[in-house]
Protein backbone atom coordinates (compact mmCIF):
# COMPACT_ATOMS: atom_id res chain seq x y z
CA UNK A 1 0.00 0.00 0.00
CA UNK A 2 1.44 3.37 -1.09
CA UNK A 3 1.92 6.08 1.49
CA UNK A 4 0.45 9.51 0.82
CA UNK A 5 3.06 12.27 0.84
CA UNK A 6 2.02 15.55 2.37
CA UNK A 7 3.80 18.54 0.79
CA UNK A 8 4.31 21.88 2.54
CA UNK A 9 1.85 24.59 1.45
CA UNK A 10 4.51 26.82 -0.14
CA UNK A 11 5.62 23.97 -2.44
CA UNK A 12 2.03 23.35 -3.52
CA UNK A 13 1.63 27.05 -4.42
CA UNK A 14 4.83 27.04 -6.51
CA UNK A 15 3.72 23.92 -8.37
CA UNK A 16 0.36 25.50 -9.14
CA UNK A 17 2.00 28.66 -10.48
CA UNK A 18 4.30 26.61 -12.69
CA UNK A 19 1.30 24.70 -14.03
CA UNK A 20 -0.65 27.87 -14.82
CA UNK A 21 2.34 29.41 -16.63
CA UNK A 22 2.91 26.24 -18.64
CA UNK A 23 -0.78 26.10 -19.51
CA UNK A 24 -0.77 29.70 -20.74
CA UNK A 25 2.26 28.99 -22.95
CA UNK A 26 0.54 25.94 -24.42
CA UNK A 27 -2.69 27.82 -25.12
CA UNK A 28 -0.93 30.68 -26.88
CA UNK A 29 1.35 28.45 -28.94
CA UNK A 30 -1.55 26.21 -30.01
CA UNK A 31 -4.06 29.00 -30.68
CA UNK A 32 -3.19 29.17 -34.36
CA UNK A 33 -3.44 25.44 -34.97
CA UNK A 34 -7.24 25.08 -34.70
CA UNK A 35 -8.99 21.92 -33.61
CA UNK A 36 -8.32 19.79 -36.64
CA UNK A 37 -7.21 21.93 -39.56
CA UNK A 38 -3.57 21.94 -40.71
CA UNK A 39 -1.70 23.81 -43.41
CA UNK A 40 -3.13 22.77 -46.75
CA UNK A 41 -6.38 20.88 -47.45
CA UNK A 42 -7.45 17.79 -45.56
CA UNK A 43 -7.92 15.97 -48.84
CA UNK A 44 -6.91 16.42 -52.43
CA UNK A 45 -8.90 19.21 -54.07
CA UNK A 46 -9.49 20.23 -57.66
CA UNK A 47 -6.73 22.60 -58.80
CA UNK A 48 -8.71 25.68 -59.81
CA UNK A 49 -5.91 28.12 -59.02
CA UNK A 50 -4.58 30.44 -61.73
CA UNK A 51 -1.14 29.42 -60.45
CA UNK A 52 -0.87 25.75 -61.53
CA UNK A 53 0.26 23.52 -58.68
CA UNK A 54 0.01 26.34 -56.13
CA UNK A 55 -2.96 26.94 -53.81
CA UNK A 56 -3.58 29.25 -50.87
CA UNK A 57 -5.46 29.28 -47.56
CA UNK A 58 -6.13 32.25 -45.32
CA UNK A 59 -6.58 31.39 -41.65
CA UNK A 60 -7.87 33.89 -39.11
CA UNK A 61 -7.93 33.83 -35.33
CA UNK A 62 -9.70 36.05 -32.82
CA UNK A 63 -9.20 35.97 -29.05
CA UNK A 64 -9.60 38.41 -26.19
CA UNK A 65 -5.91 39.35 -26.50
CA UNK A 66 -5.27 39.35 -30.25
CA UNK A 67 -6.48 38.91 -33.80
CA UNK A 68 -4.52 37.29 -36.60
CA UNK A 69 -4.77 36.58 -40.30
CA UNK A 70 -2.28 34.34 -42.11
CA UNK A 71 -2.31 33.71 -45.86
CA UNK A 72 -0.38 30.55 -46.62
CA UNK A 73 0.35 29.21 -50.12
CA UNK A 74 0.92 25.47 -50.39
CA UNK A 75 1.75 22.81 -52.96
CA UNK A 76 1.35 19.04 -52.99
CA UNK A 77 5.11 18.69 -52.44
CA UNK A 78 6.17 18.62 -48.79
CA UNK A 79 9.74 19.69 -49.52
CA UNK A 80 8.40 22.82 -51.22
CA UNK A 81 6.02 23.57 -48.34
CA UNK A 82 8.45 22.97 -45.49
CA UNK A 83 10.63 26.14 -45.62
CA UNK A 84 7.54 28.33 -46.00
CA UNK A 85 5.71 26.66 -43.13
CA UNK A 86 8.77 26.91 -40.90
CA UNK A 87 9.12 30.65 -41.52
CA UNK A 88 5.40 31.29 -40.93
CA UNK A 89 5.46 29.22 -37.74
CA UNK A 90 8.46 31.21 -36.51
CA UNK A 91 6.55 34.46 -37.02
CA UNK A 92 3.55 33.09 -35.13
CA UNK A 93 5.66 31.84 -32.22
CA UNK A 94 7.42 35.18 -31.97
CA UNK A 95 4.06 36.92 -31.95
CA UNK A 96 2.49 34.70 -29.29
CA UNK A 97 5.57 35.15 -27.13
CA UNK A 98 5.24 38.94 -27.37
CA UNK A 99 1.51 38.70 -26.62
CA UNK A 100 2.28 36.78 -23.44
CA UNK A 101 4.86 39.39 -22.40
CA UNK A 102 2.38 42.20 -23.08
CA UNK A 103 -0.67 40.45 -21.61
CA UNK A 104 -1.10 42.80 -18.65
CA UNK A 105 -0.62 45.94 -20.78
CA UNK A 106 -3.04 44.71 -23.43
CA UNK A 107 -5.71 43.98 -20.81
CA UNK A 108 -5.21 47.31 -19.04
CA UNK A 109 -5.40 49.34 -22.26
CA UNK A 110 -8.20 47.35 -23.85
CA UNK A 111 -6.02 46.90 -26.94
CA UNK A 112 -5.86 43.69 -28.96
CA UNK A 113 -2.57 42.71 -30.58
CA UNK A 114 -2.65 41.85 -34.26
CA UNK A 115 -0.63 39.61 -36.57
CA UNK A 116 -1.01 39.75 -40.34
CA UNK A 117 0.99 37.62 -42.75
CA UNK A 118 0.23 38.33 -46.39
CA UNK A 119 1.83 37.20 -49.64
CA UNK A 120 2.19 38.51 -53.17
CA UNK A 121 2.56 35.86 -55.86
CA UNK A 122 4.07 36.09 -59.33
CA UNK A 123 4.60 33.38 -61.91
CA UNK A 124 7.82 34.36 -63.69
CA UNK A 125 8.02 31.30 -65.93
CA UNK A 126 6.18 28.00 -66.31
CA UNK A 127 5.53 26.82 -62.72
CA UNK A 128 8.34 29.06 -61.47
CA UNK A 129 6.89 31.25 -58.72
CA UNK A 130 8.07 34.11 -56.55
CA UNK A 131 6.29 34.39 -53.17
CA UNK A 132 6.88 37.68 -51.36
CA UNK A 133 5.71 37.53 -47.73
CA UNK A 134 5.16 40.45 -45.39
CA UNK A 135 4.63 39.83 -41.69
CA UNK A 136 3.23 42.69 -39.61
CA UNK A 137 2.68 42.42 -35.89
CA UNK A 138 1.66 44.96 -33.30
CA UNK A 139 1.43 44.07 -29.62
CA UNK A 140 1.21 47.57 -28.18
CA UNK A 141 2.69 51.01 -28.60
CA UNK A 142 2.26 53.32 -31.54
CA UNK A 143 4.03 51.24 -34.17
CA UNK A 144 4.17 47.62 -35.16
CA UNK A 145 7.01 45.58 -36.64
CA UNK A 146 7.19 44.55 -40.30
CA UNK A 147 9.33 41.71 -41.66
CA UNK A 148 9.69 40.49 -45.21
CA UNK A 149 10.66 37.12 -46.63
CA UNK A 150 10.67 35.81 -50.17
CA UNK A 151 10.74 32.33 -51.66
CA UNK A 152 11.27 31.27 -55.26
CA UNK A 153 9.74 27.87 -56.02
CA UNK A 154 10.27 25.73 -59.10
CA UNK A 155 7.39 23.26 -59.16
CA UNK A 156 8.77 21.57 -62.27
CA UNK A 157 11.64 20.41 -60.08
CA UNK A 158 9.53 20.36 -56.89
CA UNK A 159 11.99 22.46 -54.89
CA UNK A 160 12.99 25.95 -53.82
CA UNK A 161 15.33 27.90 -56.06
CA UNK A 162 18.62 28.82 -54.37
CA UNK A 163 20.76 31.88 -54.99
CA UNK A 164 23.38 29.83 -56.84
CA UNK A 165 20.66 28.56 -59.19
CA UNK A 166 20.05 32.13 -60.29
CA UNK A 167 23.45 33.88 -60.19
CA UNK A 168 27.01 32.95 -61.12
CA UNK A 169 28.34 33.48 -57.60
CA UNK A 170 31.95 34.33 -58.25
CA UNK A 171 33.74 37.19 -56.52
CA UNK A 172 33.21 39.60 -59.43
CA UNK A 173 29.47 38.88 -59.65
CA UNK A 174 28.95 39.31 -55.90
CA UNK A 175 30.77 42.65 -55.95
CA UNK A 176 28.77 43.91 -58.92
CA UNK A 177 25.47 42.92 -57.33
CA UNK A 178 26.45 44.65 -54.07
CA UNK A 179 27.24 47.79 -56.06
CA UNK A 180 23.89 47.68 -57.88
CA UNK A 181 22.01 47.30 -54.60
CA UNK A 182 23.83 50.21 -52.91
CA UNK A 183 23.23 52.35 -55.98
CA UNK A 184 19.52 51.52 -56.00
CA UNK A 185 19.20 52.40 -52.31
CA UNK A 186 21.08 55.69 -52.73
CA UNK A 187 18.86 56.72 -55.64
CA UNK A 188 15.67 56.10 -53.65
CA UNK A 189 14.77 59.55 -52.29
CA UNK A 190 12.28 58.08 -49.81
CA UNK A 191 14.88 55.76 -48.27
CA UNK A 192 18.31 57.33 -48.72
CA UNK A 193 17.97 60.00 -45.95
CA UNK A 194 17.49 57.24 -43.37
CA UNK A 195 20.22 54.82 -44.48
CA UNK A 196 23.15 53.78 -42.29
CA UNK A 197 26.02 52.97 -44.65
CA UNK A 198 27.81 50.66 -42.24
CA UNK A 199 24.61 48.65 -41.73
CA UNK A 200 24.08 48.43 -45.51
CA UNK A 201 27.62 47.16 -45.91
CA UNK A 202 27.13 44.58 -43.19
CA UNK A 203 23.78 43.37 -44.58
CA UNK A 204 25.29 42.82 -48.05
CA UNK A 205 28.52 41.19 -46.86
CA UNK A 206 27.34 37.56 -46.85
CA UNK A 207 25.33 36.35 -49.91
CA UNK A 208 24.01 33.42 -47.84
CA UNK A 209 22.01 35.95 -45.80
CA UNK A 210 20.59 37.92 -48.73
CA UNK A 211 16.81 38.13 -48.84
CA UNK A 212 15.87 38.28 -52.48
CA UNK A 213 13.27 37.43 -55.09
CA UNK A 214 12.92 37.74 -58.82
CA UNK A 215 10.20 38.95 -61.17
CA UNK A 216 10.05 39.18 -64.94
CA UNK A 217 11.33 42.77 -64.77
CA UNK A 218 13.46 43.01 -61.63
CA UNK A 219 15.54 41.24 -59.05
CA UNK A 220 14.48 42.51 -55.62
CA UNK A 221 16.53 42.58 -52.44
CA UNK A 222 14.71 42.98 -49.11
CA UNK A 223 15.75 44.47 -45.79
CA UNK A 224 13.70 44.30 -42.61
CA UNK A 225 12.65 47.34 -40.65
CA UNK A 226 15.68 48.77 -38.77
CA UNK A 227 18.06 46.41 -40.59
CA UNK A 228 19.79 49.08 -42.70
CA UNK A 229 17.89 52.28 -41.96
CA UNK A 230 16.05 54.25 -39.29
CA UNK A 231 12.54 53.15 -38.42
CA UNK A 232 10.98 55.95 -40.46
CA UNK A 233 12.06 54.13 -43.62
CA UNK A 234 10.16 50.98 -42.64
CA UNK A 235 11.09 47.77 -44.45
CA UNK A 236 13.20 48.50 -47.51
CA UNK A 237 13.39 47.09 -51.05
CA UNK A 238 16.09 47.54 -53.65
CA UNK A 239 14.76 46.75 -57.13
CA UNK A 240 17.39 46.10 -59.79
CA UNK A 241 16.08 46.21 -63.40
CA UNK A 242 16.50 42.92 -65.23
CA UNK A 243 18.56 44.49 -67.98
CA UNK A 244 21.14 45.61 -65.42
CA UNK A 245 21.42 42.33 -63.54
CA UNK A 246 20.84 39.84 -66.36
CA UNK A 247 24.58 39.64 -67.22
CA UNK A 248 25.15 37.96 -63.83
CA UNK A 249 22.43 35.32 -64.19
CA UNK A 250 23.11 31.67 -64.85
CA UNK A 251 22.57 31.01 -68.56
CA UNK A 252 19.91 28.33 -68.08
CA UNK A 253 17.97 30.48 -65.63
CA UNK A 254 18.14 33.50 -67.95
CA UNK A 255 16.74 31.29 -70.72
CA UNK A 256 13.81 30.31 -68.53
CA UNK A 257 12.95 33.94 -67.87
CA UNK A 258 12.57 34.45 -71.60
CA UNK A 259 9.74 31.90 -71.63
CA UNK A 260 6.47 33.76 -71.89
CA UNK A 261 4.42 33.25 -68.76
CA UNK A 262 1.00 31.77 -69.68
CA UNK A 263 -1.68 34.41 -69.32
CA UNK A 264 -4.20 34.08 -66.56
CA UNK A 265 -7.53 32.51 -67.35
CA UNK A 266 -9.73 34.97 -69.24
CA UNK A 267 -12.58 36.40 -67.26
CA UNK A 268 -16.05 35.45 -68.34
CA UNK A 269 -18.29 38.30 -69.41
CA UNK A 270 -20.67 39.67 -66.85
CA UNK A 271 -24.07 38.06 -67.19
CA UNK A 272 -27.25 40.08 -67.26
CA UNK A 273 -28.76 38.35 -64.25
CA UNK A 274 -26.08 39.82 -61.95
CA UNK A 275 -27.81 43.19 -62.21
CA UNK A 276 -31.32 41.83 -61.91
CA UNK A 277 -33.12 42.40 -58.64
CA UNK A 278 -35.61 39.81 -57.53
CA UNK A 279 -38.95 41.16 -56.44
CA UNK A 280 -39.58 40.18 -52.83
CA UNK A 281 -42.89 39.88 -51.04
CA UNK A 282 -42.97 42.64 -48.38
CA UNK A 283 -44.78 40.23 -46.07
CA UNK A 284 -42.25 37.41 -46.54
CA UNK A 285 -39.74 36.13 -43.98
CA UNK A 286 -36.19 36.73 -45.18
CA UNK A 287 -32.70 36.19 -43.87
CA UNK A 288 -29.32 36.87 -45.48
CA UNK A 289 -26.65 34.20 -45.17
CA UNK A 290 -23.14 35.62 -45.55
CA UNK A 291 -19.86 33.74 -46.05
CA UNK A 292 -16.50 35.35 -45.24
CA UNK A 293 -12.82 34.75 -46.07
CA UNK A 294 -13.13 32.79 -49.33
CA UNK A 295 -13.22 31.70 -52.00
CA UNK A 296 -11.81 28.31 -51.00
CA UNK A 297 -11.17 25.67 -53.70
CA UNK A 298 -12.86 22.85 -51.75
CA UNK A 299 -15.41 24.45 -49.41
CA UNK A 300 -16.87 27.19 -51.63
CA UNK A 301 -17.98 24.80 -54.44
CA UNK A 302 -19.68 22.55 -51.86
CA UNK A 303 -21.56 25.52 -50.44
CA UNK A 304 -22.58 26.69 -53.91
CA UNK A 305 -23.92 23.22 -54.76
CA UNK A 306 -26.03 23.17 -51.59
CA UNK A 307 -27.39 26.68 -52.14
CA UNK A 308 -28.31 25.72 -55.70
CA UNK A 309 -30.28 22.66 -54.55
CA UNK A 310 -32.35 24.88 -52.26
CA UNK A 311 -32.72 27.80 -54.66
CA UNK A 312 -31.14 29.98 -51.98
CA UNK A 313 -29.09 33.12 -52.56
CA UNK A 314 -26.25 34.36 -50.33
CA UNK A 315 -23.58 37.02 -50.05
CA UNK A 316 -19.87 36.17 -50.10
CA UNK A 317 -17.43 38.65 -48.56
CA UNK A 318 -14.21 37.76 -50.34
CA UNK A 319 -10.55 38.47 -49.66
CA UNK A 320 -8.59 39.91 -52.55
CA UNK A 321 -5.69 37.57 -51.74
CA UNK A 322 -8.02 34.59 -52.25
CA UNK A 323 -9.77 35.92 -55.37
CA UNK A 324 -6.36 36.50 -56.95
CA UNK A 325 -5.78 32.74 -56.77
CA UNK A 326 -9.33 31.61 -57.57
CA UNK A 327 -10.95 34.14 -59.95
CA UNK A 328 -12.93 31.38 -61.67
CA UNK A 329 -14.60 30.49 -58.35
CA UNK A 330 -15.50 34.14 -57.75
CA UNK A 331 -16.90 34.21 -61.27
CA UNK A 332 -18.99 31.11 -60.54
CA UNK A 333 -20.42 32.72 -57.39
CA UNK A 334 -21.43 35.73 -59.49
CA UNK A 335 -22.85 33.67 -62.34
CA UNK A 336 -25.06 31.66 -59.99
CA UNK A 337 -26.80 34.83 -58.81
CA UNK A 338 -25.09 35.36 -55.47
CA UNK A 339 -23.65 38.63 -54.24
CA UNK A 340 -19.96 39.36 -53.71
CA UNK A 341 -18.75 41.86 -51.13
CA UNK A 342 -15.32 43.24 -50.24
CA UNK A 343 -13.55 41.76 -47.19
CA UNK A 344 -10.26 43.64 -47.83
CA UNK A 345 -7.07 42.37 -49.38
CA UNK A 346 -5.36 40.55 -46.51
CA UNK A 347 -7.84 40.41 -43.59
CA UNK A 348 -5.94 42.97 -41.53
CA UNK A 349 -7.45 44.66 -38.50
CA UNK A 350 -8.15 48.00 -40.19
CA UNK A 351 -8.32 49.88 -36.89
CA UNK A 352 -4.55 49.50 -36.35
CA UNK A 353 -3.69 50.90 -39.81
CA UNK A 354 -3.30 54.44 -41.08
CA UNK A 355 -5.90 55.89 -43.44
CA UNK A 356 -3.84 55.29 -46.59
CA UNK A 357 -3.14 51.70 -45.56
CA UNK A 358 -6.87 51.21 -44.98
CA UNK A 359 -7.51 52.54 -48.47
CA UNK A 360 -4.94 50.14 -49.96
CA UNK A 361 -6.57 47.17 -48.20
CA UNK A 362 -10.03 48.09 -49.50
CA UNK A 363 -9.02 49.24 -52.98
CA UNK A 364 -6.64 46.36 -53.65
CA UNK A 365 -9.32 43.77 -53.01
CA UNK A 366 -11.94 45.83 -54.82
CA UNK A 367 -9.81 45.93 -58.00
CA UNK A 368 -9.08 42.19 -57.98
CA UNK A 369 -12.75 41.34 -57.47
CA UNK A 370 -13.69 43.71 -60.29
CA UNK A 371 -11.21 41.95 -62.60
CA UNK A 372 -12.73 38.59 -61.70
CA UNK A 373 -16.45 39.36 -62.02
CA UNK A 374 -16.61 42.45 -64.21
CA UNK A 375 -17.77 45.02 -61.65
CA UNK A 376 -16.66 46.38 -58.30
CA UNK A 377 -18.38 45.24 -55.09
CA UNK A 378 -20.71 47.70 -53.39
CA UNK A 379 -20.55 46.17 -49.90
CA UNK A 380 -17.72 45.97 -47.38
CA UNK A 381 -17.37 43.85 -44.28
CA UNK A 382 -14.30 44.87 -42.27
CA UNK A 383 -12.29 41.93 -40.87
CA UNK A 384 -13.22 41.03 -37.29
CA UNK A 385 -16.02 43.62 -37.56
CA UNK A 386 -13.41 46.18 -36.49
CA UNK A 387 -14.11 49.75 -37.56
CA UNK A 388 -13.33 53.32 -36.59
CA UNK A 389 -13.63 56.82 -38.03
CA UNK A 390 -10.88 56.33 -40.63
CA UNK A 391 -12.36 53.03 -41.79
CA UNK A 392 -15.83 54.54 -42.15
CA UNK A 393 -14.48 57.61 -43.95
CA UNK A 394 -12.48 55.63 -46.53
CA UNK A 395 -15.35 53.21 -47.02
CA UNK A 396 -17.71 56.11 -47.66
CA UNK A 397 -15.31 57.66 -50.16
CA UNK A 398 -15.24 54.37 -52.08
CA UNK A 399 -19.04 54.32 -52.15
CA UNK A 400 -19.40 51.04 -50.30
CA UNK A 401 -22.00 50.14 -47.69
CA UNK A 402 -20.56 48.61 -44.52
CA UNK A 403 -22.32 45.41 -43.52
CA UNK A 404 -21.84 43.64 -40.20
CA UNK A 405 -24.05 40.81 -38.91
CA UNK A 406 -26.70 40.09 -36.30
CA UNK A 407 -26.21 36.32 -35.85
CA UNK A 408 -22.72 34.86 -35.42
CA UNK A 409 -22.71 31.13 -36.16
CA UNK A 410 -19.34 30.80 -34.39
CA UNK A 411 -18.40 28.26 -37.06
CA UNK A 412 -14.83 29.59 -36.85
CA UNK A 413 -14.77 28.55 -33.20
CA UNK A 414 -16.77 25.31 -32.94
CA UNK A 415 -15.80 23.71 -36.29
CA UNK A 416 -18.81 21.48 -35.64
CA UNK A 417 -21.81 21.21 -37.98
CA UNK A 418 -24.40 20.52 -35.27
CA UNK A 419 -23.15 23.39 -33.09
CA UNK A 420 -23.35 25.76 -36.06
CA UNK A 421 -26.96 24.81 -36.78
CA UNK A 422 -28.00 25.13 -33.14
CA UNK A 423 -26.33 28.52 -32.76
CA UNK A 424 -28.01 29.96 -35.86
CA UNK A 425 -31.49 28.54 -35.28
CA UNK A 426 -31.55 29.68 -31.64
CA UNK A 427 -30.84 33.29 -32.64
CA UNK A 428 -32.26 33.83 -36.12
CA UNK A 429 -35.25 36.08 -36.71
CA UNK A 430 -36.77 37.98 -39.64
CA UNK A 431 -34.20 40.26 -41.25
CA UNK A 432 -31.19 38.54 -39.66
CA UNK A 433 -27.77 38.74 -41.30
CA UNK A 434 -25.98 35.48 -40.47
CA UNK A 435 -22.17 35.27 -40.29
CA UNK A 436 -20.62 32.07 -41.69
CA UNK A 437 -17.28 31.26 -43.36
CA UNK A 438 -16.72 29.36 -46.60
CA UNK A 439 -13.25 28.18 -45.55
CA UNK A 440 -14.27 25.52 -43.00
CA UNK A 441 -15.40 22.10 -44.20
CA UNK A 442 -17.62 21.84 -41.12
CA UNK A 443 -19.61 24.85 -42.37
CA UNK A 444 -20.24 23.11 -45.68
CA UNK A 445 -21.31 20.05 -43.67
CA UNK A 446 -23.76 22.16 -41.64
CA UNK A 447 -25.41 23.97 -44.54
CA UNK A 448 -27.86 21.30 -45.86
CA UNK A 449 -29.51 20.84 -42.45
CA UNK A 450 -29.40 24.58 -41.75
CA UNK A 451 -31.25 25.39 -44.96
CA UNK A 452 -33.80 22.66 -44.24
CA UNK A 453 -34.42 24.13 -40.78
CA UNK A 454 -34.71 27.69 -42.04
CA UNK A 455 -37.16 26.64 -44.76
CA UNK A 456 -39.25 24.70 -42.23
CA UNK A 457 -39.60 27.95 -40.26
CA UNK A 458 -40.75 29.80 -43.39
CA UNK A 459 -37.56 31.71 -44.14
CA UNK A 460 -36.29 32.54 -47.61
CA UNK A 461 -32.59 33.18 -48.18
CA UNK A 462 -31.69 36.36 -50.07
CA UNK A 463 -28.63 38.53 -50.61
CA UNK A 464 -27.74 41.34 -48.21
CA UNK A 465 -28.58 43.98 -50.82
CA UNK A 466 -32.01 42.44 -51.40
CA UNK A 467 -32.64 42.38 -47.66
CA UNK A 468 -31.53 45.98 -47.11
CA UNK A 469 -33.58 47.17 -50.06
CA UNK A 470 -36.66 45.46 -48.62
CA UNK A 471 -35.98 47.09 -45.25
CA UNK A 472 -35.59 50.50 -46.90
CA UNK A 473 -32.01 51.03 -45.77
CA UNK A 474 -30.31 53.94 -47.50
CA UNK A 475 -26.80 55.34 -47.70
CA UNK A 476 -23.53 53.98 -46.36
CA UNK A 477 -23.60 51.54 -43.42
CA UNK A 478 -22.79 50.05 -41.07
CA UNK A 479 -25.84 47.87 -41.44
CA UNK A 480 -26.79 45.17 -38.95
CA UNK A 481 -29.71 42.80 -39.21
CA UNK A 482 -32.64 42.80 -36.79
């Protein structure tokens, strides 16, 4: 029979404190992982991306202490995904660590930290891609921190392109490239006043530490905020025209750059029904289902199929970063009579940005959506529902109506079909605007039963614009349902 050991009270208290601290670390480090979702799809999906072999997912997180949005491209090749995933995970771990350090300050000031990782993609030759990442985090204070990272992926060879694959790295070439970079920085009037020459020299010393990417027109070298210049300069780029740097390229790589990149899939012409407005019975019972953060190559088509079976219409608030990859899906949403709204370019918390940055987030997404479907969206839903005077002012100037929601399905939190249905049906009423997301497979699983339940209660599903028109709403939002 084992004897029970009685510990002194002070030891028990220490053990409890250690346990609480360990638990907090675990919660913060696991917050981004979700319950079951991992980087990339859970199963093979149809490749509808305009970048063959390359897909993208945007994952968002919202807690009492922070919000986050991470756009993550992925391929079916693990060795191509691994360096990207490792860099993204490092940014997230750094952020959660800073959140933990700033926890008391954040709670006292009522300020939520924010992490945004966005990516710009360019196909520079057949299945040869440049991915330019920007990571922005703010955990307090007036300014956040921006970091950049680029990857060049050759999916024909299923690997990342290294510096020696691009340049003939002899002593003469390295010296000439260093000279071109310094010259580019000195000629940049917005950057040159803030440069520290000794830091520039140090950053360029070792080619193994260069951060670079390549486009059809330039080779770009990146420097993080404070790396070579005062903070006022922010993160810095040196763009070297291809004609100047081409003499230092490897011959085979230079030949590949001469290959004409296949043009993106042509946009289908706008159909007449997109402008048609269904006549609604003033005495009818209507709700507006809205889906945020897509389009997603697997989930969005499933949702569209279900809506079609029920003759239901919905509104999709799309991210420009997602539409850029899946314009044909956005076009399908439009063609099937649904409404498309603006959800910004990269799902940033607009309330922590300056007015011009807010405008870039709205306008960038607006332009990409317009390219995909033939007309600009008239509705905006700010990420996380976060808005302030600057956000409302810019939104008004762009002529968009701001649309929030009145019923939150919490599908982003539960990831459970039954929980989603119960949450919606226990809160829905006439005129409700329901928040859902077309990036979670569990939401697609929930939709058939949800539509059955809504129809059994006499509801018809319409777009937000149809609902607001019926309710006689005028002018720029924000608009909430009943």
